[in-house]
Amino acid sequence: MKIYAVYRIGYWNNKLELIGKVVERRKKERNNNAADMLRWAQKIYAASSIDSNLFIVKEDSSEGAIFGGS
């Protein structure tokens, strides 16, 4: 089970804020799990595209952020 922290960067103030977490419960690696989790986070934590951008970071690793579209 992998946990991804979901962050938002505010468009107006450029501040980083933790807005939630998404949990991946797949037992096997599939085609692109990280991109799937990013899409899931965007559905759950959707906001106006002008207000912010979302990205996710895998909590238990030192990998870089996975950026999403507006």
PDB file of N, CA and C in Angstrom:
ATOM      1  N   MET A   1       0.841  -1.165   0.000  1.00  0.00           N
ATOM      2  CA  MET A   1       0.000   0.000   0.000  1.00  0.00           C
ATOM      3  C   MET A   1       0.897   1.242   0.000  1.00  0.00           C
ATOM      4  N   LYS A   2       0.663   2.135  -0.949  1.00  0.00           N
ATOM      5  CA  LYS A   2       1.459   3.356  -1.059  1.00  0.00           C
ATOM      6  C   LYS A   2       0.569   4.549  -0.717  1.00  0.00           C
ATOM      7  N   ILE A   3       1.145   5.484   0.001  1.00  0.00           N
ATOM      8  CA  ILE A   3       0.418   6.695   0.376  1.00  0.00           C
ATOM      9  C   ILE A   3       1.085   7.880  -0.309  1.00  0.00           C
ATOM     10  N   TYR A   4       0.262   8.698  -0.952  1.00  0.00           N
ATOM     11  CA  TYR A   4       0.729   9.901  -1.617  1.00  0.00           C
ATOM     12  C   TYR A   4       0.138  11.118  -0.925  1.00  0.00           C
ATOM     13  N   ALA A   5       0.969  12.080  -0.593  1.00  0.00           N
ATOM     14  CA  ALA A   5       0.501  13.343  -0.030  1.00  0.00           C
ATOM     15  C   ALA A   5       0.135  14.252  -1.196  1.00  0.00           C
ATOM     16  N   VAL A   6      -0.987  14.948  -1.075  1.00  0.00           N
ATOM     17  CA  VAL A   6      -1.463  15.841  -2.135  1.00  0.00           C
ATOM     18  C   VAL A   6      -1.229  17.280  -1.675  1.00  0.00           C
ATOM     19  N   TYR A   7      -0.510  18.035  -2.499  1.00  0.00           N
ATOM     20  CA  TYR A   7      -0.195  19.425  -2.187  1.00  0.00           C
ATOM     21  C   TYR A   7      -0.791  20.342  -3.236  1.00  0.00           C
ATOM     22  N   ARG A   8      -1.025  21.564  -2.829  1.00  0.00           N
ATOM     23  CA  ARG A   8      -1.519  22.599  -3.731  1.00  0.00           C
ATOM     24  C   ARG A   8      -0.576  23.796  -3.636  1.00  0.00           C
ATOM     25  N   ILE A   9      -0.260  24.382  -4.785  1.00  0.00           N
ATOM     26  CA  ILE A   9       0.486  25.632  -4.815  1.00  0.00           C
ATOM     27  C   ILE A   9      -0.501  26.708  -5.225  1.00  0.00           C
ATOM     28  N   GLY A  10      -0.733  27.657  -4.348  1.00  0.00           N
ATOM     29  CA  GLY A  10      -1.681  28.731  -4.628  1.00  0.00           C
ATOM     30  C   GLY A  10      -1.179  29.619  -5.757  1.00  0.00           C
ATOM     31  N   TYR A  11      -2.057  29.939  -6.673  1.00  0.00           N
ATOM     32  CA  TYR A  11      -1.696  30.771  -7.828  1.00  0.00           C
ATOM     33  C   TYR A  11      -1.384  32.196  -7.396  1.00  0.00           C
ATOM     34  N   TRP A  12      -2.163  32.726  -6.470  1.00  0.00           N
ATOM     35  CA  TRP A  12      -2.023  34.132  -6.088  1.00  0.00           C
ATOM     36  C   TRP A  12      -0.905  34.375  -5.100  1.00  0.00           C
ATOM     37  N   ASN A  13      -0.661  33.435  -4.203  1.00  0.00           N
ATOM     38  CA  ASN A  13       0.340  33.676  -3.164  1.00  0.00           C
ATOM     39  C   ASN A  13       1.547  32.743  -3.235  1.00  0.00           C
ATOM     40  N   ASN A  14       1.551  31.781  -4.149  1.00  0.00           N
ATOM     41  CA  ASN A  14       2.660  30.833  -4.338  1.00  0.00           C
ATOM     42  C   ASN A  14       3.033  30.085  -3.059  1.00  0.00           C
ATOM     43  N   LYS A  15       2.060  29.826  -2.211  1.00  0.00           N
ATOM     44  CA  LYS A  15       2.317  29.076  -0.982  1.00  0.00           C
ATOM     45  C   LYS A  15       1.958  27.613  -1.183  1.00  0.00           C
ATOM     46  N   LEU A  16       2.741  26.758  -0.571  1.00  0.00           N
ATOM     47  CA  LEU A  16       2.550  25.313  -0.634  1.00  0.00           C
ATOM     48  C   LEU A  16       1.712  24.885   0.564  1.00  0.00           C
ATOM     49  N   GLU A  17       0.654  24.100   0.308  1.00  0.00           N
ATOM     50  CA  GLU A  17      -0.160  23.617   1.416  1.00  0.00           C
ATOM     51  C   GLU A  17      -0.565  22.166   1.179  1.00  0.00           C
ATOM     52  N   LEU A  18      -0.484  21.390   2.233  1.00  0.00           N
ATOM     53  CA  LEU A  18      -0.927  20.001   2.205  1.00  0.00           C
ATOM     54  C   LEU A  18      -2.445  20.009   2.264  1.00  0.00           C
ATOM     55  N   ILE A  19      -3.099  19.381   1.284  1.00  0.00           N
ATOM     56  CA  ILE A  19      -4.560  19.396   1.285  1.00  0.00           C
ATOM     57  C   ILE A  19      -5.166  18.028   1.530  1.00  0.00           C
ATOM     58  N   GLY A  20      -4.356  16.978   1.491  1.00  0.00           N
ATOM     59  CA  GLY A  20      -4.896  15.651   1.766  1.00  0.00           C
ATOM     60  C   GLY A  20      -3.939  14.555   1.357  1.00  0.00           C
ATOM     61  N   LYS A  21      -4.469  13.340   1.368  1.00  0.00           N
ATOM     62  CA  LYS A  21      -3.677  12.166   0.995  1.00  0.00           C
ATOM     63  C   LYS A  21      -4.541  11.236   0.163  1.00  0.00           C
ATOM     64  N   VAL A  22      -3.898  10.478  -0.703  1.00  0.00           N
ATOM     65  CA  VAL A  22      -4.573   9.416  -1.445  1.00  0.00           C
ATOM     66  C   VAL A  22      -3.781   8.130  -1.211  1.00  0.00           C
ATOM     67  N   VAL A  23      -4.507   7.028  -1.111  1.00  0.00           N
ATOM     68  CA  VAL A  23      -3.895   5.736  -0.809  1.00  0.00           C
ATOM     69  C   VAL A  23      -4.097   4.809  -2.000  1.00  0.00           C
ATOM     70  N   GLU A  24      -3.001   4.230  -2.450  1.00  0.00           N
ATOM     71  CA  GLU A  24      -3.054   3.259  -3.537  1.00  0.00           C
ATOM     72  C   GLU A  24      -3.067   1.868  -2.921  1.00  0.00           C
ATOM     73  N   ARG A  25      -4.083   1.095  -3.262  1.00  0.00           N
ATOM     74  CA  ARG A  25      -4.212  -0.230  -2.664  1.00  0.00           C
ATOM     75  C   ARG A  25      -3.984  -1.348  -3.674  1.00  0.00           C
ATOM     76  N   ARG A  26      -3.460  -1.025  -4.829  1.00  0.00           N
ATOM     77  CA  ARG A  26      -3.173  -2.060  -5.823  1.00  0.00           C
ATOM     78  C   ARG A  26      -2.036  -2.930  -5.328  1.00  0.00           C
ATOM     79  N   LYS A  27      -2.162  -4.211  -5.539  1.00  0.00           N
ATOM     80  CA  LYS A  27      -1.121  -5.133  -5.093  1.00  0.00           C
ATOM     81  C   LYS A  27       0.009  -5.262  -6.106  1.00  0.00           C
ATOM     82  N   LYS A  28      -0.308  -5.070  -7.400  1.00  0.00           N
ATOM     83  CA  LYS A  28       0.703  -5.183  -8.435  1.00  0.00           C
ATOM     84  C   LYS A  28       0.889  -3.846  -9.143  1.00  0.00           C
ATOM     85  N   GLU A  29       2.074  -3.665  -9.680  1.00  0.00           N
ATOM     86  CA  GLU A  29       2.364  -2.482 -10.475  1.00  0.00           C
ATOM     87  C   GLU A  29       1.620  -2.590 -11.800  1.00  0.00           C
ATOM     88  N   ARG A  30       0.992  -1.504 -12.191  1.00  0.00           N
ATOM     89  CA  ARG A  30       0.302  -1.467 -13.474  1.00  0.00           C
ATOM     90  C   ARG A  30       1.014  -0.512 -14.398  1.00  0.00           C
ATOM     91  N   ASN A  31       0.368  -0.129 -15.461  1.00  0.00           N
ATOM     92  CA  ASN A  31       1.013   0.677 -16.490  1.00  0.00           C
ATOM     93  C   ASN A  31       1.627   1.959 -15.934  1.00  0.00           C
ATOM     94  N   ASN A  32       0.845   2.784 -15.248  1.00  0.00           N
ATOM     95  CA  ASN A  32       1.365   4.044 -14.731  1.00  0.00           C
ATOM     96  C   ASN A  32       0.622   4.408 -13.451  1.00  0.00           C
ATOM     97  N   ASN A  33       0.954   3.755 -12.367  1.00  0.00           N
ATOM     98  CA  ASN A  33       0.249   3.946 -11.107  1.00  0.00           C
ATOM     99  C   ASN A  33       0.300   5.386 -10.616  1.00  0.00           C
ATOM    100  N   ALA A  34       1.458   6.023 -10.696  1.00  0.00           N
ATOM    101  CA  ALA A  34       1.595   7.380 -10.169  1.00  0.00           C
ATOM    102  C   ALA A  34       0.697   8.354 -10.924  1.00  0.00           C
ATOM    103  N   ALA A  35       0.646   8.240 -12.231  1.00  0.00           N
ATOM    104  CA  ALA A  35      -0.223   9.122 -13.021  1.00  0.00           C
ATOM    105  C   ALA A  35      -1.687   8.863 -12.696  1.00  0.00           C
ATOM    106  N   ASP A  36      -2.044   7.607 -12.467  1.00  0.00           N
ATOM    107  CA  ASP A  36      -3.416   7.276 -12.081  1.00  0.00           C
ATOM    108  C   ASP A  36      -3.764   7.899 -10.732  1.00  0.00           C
ATOM    109  N   MET A  37      -2.835   7.859  -9.793  1.00  0.00           N
ATOM    110  CA  MET A  37      -3.084   8.446  -8.484  1.00  0.00           C
ATOM    111  C   MET A  37      -3.189   9.966  -8.567  1.00  0.00           C
ATOM    112  N   LEU A  38      -2.418  10.573  -9.455  1.00  0.00           N
ATOM    113  CA  LEU A  38      -2.516  12.013  -9.648  1.00  0.00           C
ATOM    114  C   LEU A  38      -3.890  12.395 -10.197  1.00  0.00           C
ATOM    115  N   ARG A  39      -4.371  11.635 -11.172  1.00  0.00           N
ATOM    116  CA  ARG A  39      -5.718  11.899 -11.707  1.00  0.00           C
ATOM    117  C   ARG A  39      -6.777  11.724 -10.633  1.00  0.00           C
ATOM    118  N   TRP A  40      -6.622  10.713  -9.800  1.00  0.00           N
ATOM    119  CA  TRP A  40      -7.566  10.475  -8.710  1.00  0.00           C
ATOM    120  C   TRP A  40      -7.551  11.646  -7.724  1.00  0.00           C
ATOM    121  N   ALA A  41      -6.359  12.129  -7.379  1.00  0.00           N
ATOM    122  CA  ALA A  41      -6.238  13.269  -6.467  1.00  0.00           C
ATOM    123  C   ALA A  41      -6.886  14.511  -7.065  1.00  0.00           C
ATOM    124  N   GLN A  42      -6.732  14.707  -8.380  1.00  0.00           N
ATOM    125  CA  GLN A  42      -7.342  15.864  -9.027  1.00  0.00           C
ATOM    126  C   GLN A  42      -8.860  15.785  -8.985  1.00  0.00           C
ATOM    127  N   LYS A  43      -9.413  14.584  -9.087  1.00  0.00           N
ATOM    128  CA  LYS A  43     -10.868  14.426  -8.985  1.00  0.00           C
ATOM    129  C   LYS A  43     -11.358  14.720  -7.577  1.00  0.00           C
ATOM    130  N   ILE A  44     -10.630  14.214  -6.587  1.00  0.00           N
ATOM    131  CA  ILE A  44     -11.051  14.381  -5.198  1.00  0.00           C
ATOM    132  C   ILE A  44     -10.879  15.821  -4.728  1.00  0.00           C
ATOM    133  N   TYR A  45      -9.732  16.399  -5.018  1.00  0.00           N
ATOM    134  CA  TYR A  45      -9.387  17.713  -4.488  1.00  0.00           C
ATOM    135  C   TYR A  45      -9.454  18.796  -5.568  1.00  0.00           C
ATOM    136  N   ALA A  46     -10.365  18.656  -6.489  1.00  0.00           N
ATOM    137  CA  ALA A  46     -10.472  19.602  -7.589  1.00  0.00           C
ATOM    138  C   ALA A  46     -10.803  20.999  -7.074  1.00  0.00           C
ATOM    139  N   ALA A  47     -10.195  21.960  -7.703  1.00  0.00           N
ATOM    140  CA  ALA A  47     -10.470  23.371  -7.426  1.00  0.00           C
ATOM    141  C   ALA A  47     -10.433  24.099  -8.763  1.00  0.00           C
ATOM    142  N   SER A  48     -10.766  25.322  -8.739  1.00  0.00           N
ATOM    143  CA  SER A  48     -10.711  26.117  -9.959  1.00  0.00           C
ATOM    144  C   SER A  48      -9.294  26.088 -10.512  1.00  0.00           C
ATOM    145  N   SER A  49      -9.162  25.886 -11.802  1.00  0.00           N
ATOM    146  CA  SER A  49      -7.837  25.762 -12.406  1.00  0.00           C
ATOM    147  C   SER A  49      -7.045  27.054 -12.297  1.00  0.00           C
ATOM    148  N   ILE A  50      -7.693  28.156 -12.132  1.00  0.00           N
ATOM    149  CA  ILE A  50      -6.973  29.419 -12.017  1.00  0.00           C
ATOM    150  C   ILE A  50      -6.412  29.622 -10.615  1.00  0.00           C
ATOM    151  N   ASP A  51      -7.008  28.975  -9.631  1.00  0.00           N
ATOM    152  CA  ASP A  51      -6.602  29.176  -8.244  1.00  0.00           C
ATOM    153  C   ASP A  51      -5.352  28.419  -7.851  1.00  0.00           C
ATOM    154  N   SER A  52      -5.131  27.228  -8.401  1.00  0.00           N
ATOM    155  CA  SER A  52      -4.029  26.422  -7.887  1.00  0.00           C
ATOM    156  C   SER A  52      -3.637  25.308  -8.832  1.00  0.00           C
ATOM    157  N   ASN A  53      -2.502  24.707  -8.531  1.00  0.00           N
ATOM    158  CA  ASN A  53      -2.022  23.495  -9.195  1.00  0.00           C
ATOM    159  C   ASN A  53      -1.821  22.436  -8.128  1.00  0.00           C
ATOM    160  N   LEU A  54      -2.122  21.197  -8.491  1.00  0.00           N
ATOM    161  CA  LEU A  54      -1.945  20.085  -7.562  1.00  0.00           C
ATOM    162  C   LEU A  54      -0.734  19.266  -7.946  1.00  0.00           C
ATOM    163  N   PHE A  55      -0.091  18.665  -6.945  1.00  0.00           N
ATOM    164  CA  PHE A  55       0.916  17.653  -7.205  1.00  0.00           C
ATOM    165  C   PHE A  55       0.921  16.689  -6.048  1.00  0.00           C
ATOM    166  N   ILE A  56       1.471  15.492  -6.293  1.00  0.00           N
ATOM    167  CA  ILE A  56       1.522  14.466  -5.260  1.00  0.00           C
ATOM    168  C   ILE A  56       2.966  14.039  -5.032  1.00  0.00           C
ATOM    169  N   VAL A  57       3.234  13.589  -3.814  1.00  0.00           N
ATOM    170  CA  VAL A  57       4.559  13.100  -3.435  1.00  0.00           C
ATOM    171  C   VAL A  57       4.358  11.801  -2.683  1.00  0.00           C
ATOM    172  N   LYS A  58       5.070  10.781  -3.089  1.00  0.00           N
ATOM    173  CA  LYS A  58       5.013   9.496  -2.397  1.00  0.00           C
ATOM    174  C   LYS A  58       5.652   9.673  -1.024  1.00  0.00           C
ATOM    175  N   GLU A  59       4.930   9.327   0.020  1.00  0.00           N
ATOM    176  CA  GLU A  59       5.362   9.651   1.378  1.00  0.00           C
ATOM    177  C   GLU A  59       6.586   8.889   1.869  1.00  0.00           C
ATOM    178  N   ASP A  60       6.741   7.646   1.509  1.00  0.00           N
ATOM    179  CA  ASP A  60       7.812   6.839   2.082  1.00  0.00           C
ATOM    180  C   ASP A  60       9.066   6.775   1.219  1.00  0.00           C
ATOM    181  N   SER A  61       9.260   7.729   0.333  1.00  0.00           N
ATOM    182  CA  SER A  61      10.454   7.702  -0.513  1.00  0.00           C
ATOM    183  C   SER A  61      10.982   9.100  -0.729  1.00  0.00           C
ATOM    184  N   SER A  62      12.160   9.171  -1.313  1.00  0.00           N
ATOM    185  CA  SER A  62      12.766  10.465  -1.607  1.00  0.00           C
ATOM    186  C   SER A  62      12.601  10.831  -3.076  1.00  0.00           C
ATOM    187  N   GLU A  63      11.645  10.204  -3.751  1.00  0.00           N
ATOM    188  CA  GLU A  63      11.393  10.521  -5.149  1.00  0.00           C
ATOM    189  C   GLU A  63      10.860  11.935  -5.269  1.00  0.00           C
ATOM    190  N   GLY A  64      10.966  12.502  -6.453  1.00  0.00           N
ATOM    191  CA  GLY A  64      10.477  13.833  -6.684  1.00  0.00           C
ATOM    192  C   GLY A  64       8.953  13.890  -6.762  1.00  0.00           C
ATOM    193  N   ALA A  65       8.463  15.086  -6.862  1.00  0.00           N
ATOM    194  CA  ALA A  65       7.021  15.323  -6.941  1.00  0.00           C
ATOM    195  C   ALA A  65       6.488  14.917  -8.304  1.00  0.00           C
ATOM    196  N   ILE A  66       5.222  14.544  -8.320  1.00  0.00           N
ATOM    197  CA  ILE A  66       4.537  14.214  -9.559  1.00  0.00           C
ATOM    198  C   ILE A  66       3.553  15.339  -9.803  1.00  0.00           C
ATOM    199  N   PHE A  67       3.860  16.165 -10.788  1.00  0.00           N
ATOM    200  CA  PHE A  67       3.074  17.370 -11.026  1.00  0.00           C
ATOM    201  C   PHE A  67       1.870  17.077 -11.887  1.00  0.00           C
ATOM    202  N   GLY A  68       0.806  17.783 -11.586  1.00  0.00           N
ATOM    203  CA  GLY A  68      -0.427  17.657 -12.349  1.00  0.00           C
ATOM    204  C   GLY A  68      -0.714  18.929 -13.117  1.00  0.00           C
ATOM    205  N   GLY A  69      -1.646  18.817 -14.008  1.00  0.00           N
ATOM    206  CA  GLY A  69      -2.075  19.973 -14.754  1.00  0.00           C
ATOM    207  C   GLY A  69      -3.014  20.820 -13.932  1.00  0.00           C
ATOM    208  N   SER A  70      -3.317  21.961 -14.442  1.00  0.00           N
ATOM    209  CA  SER A  70      -4.208  22.884 -13.740  1.00  0.00           C
ATOM    210  C   SER A  70      -5.616  22.367 -13.766  1.00  0.00           C
TER     211      SER A  70
END
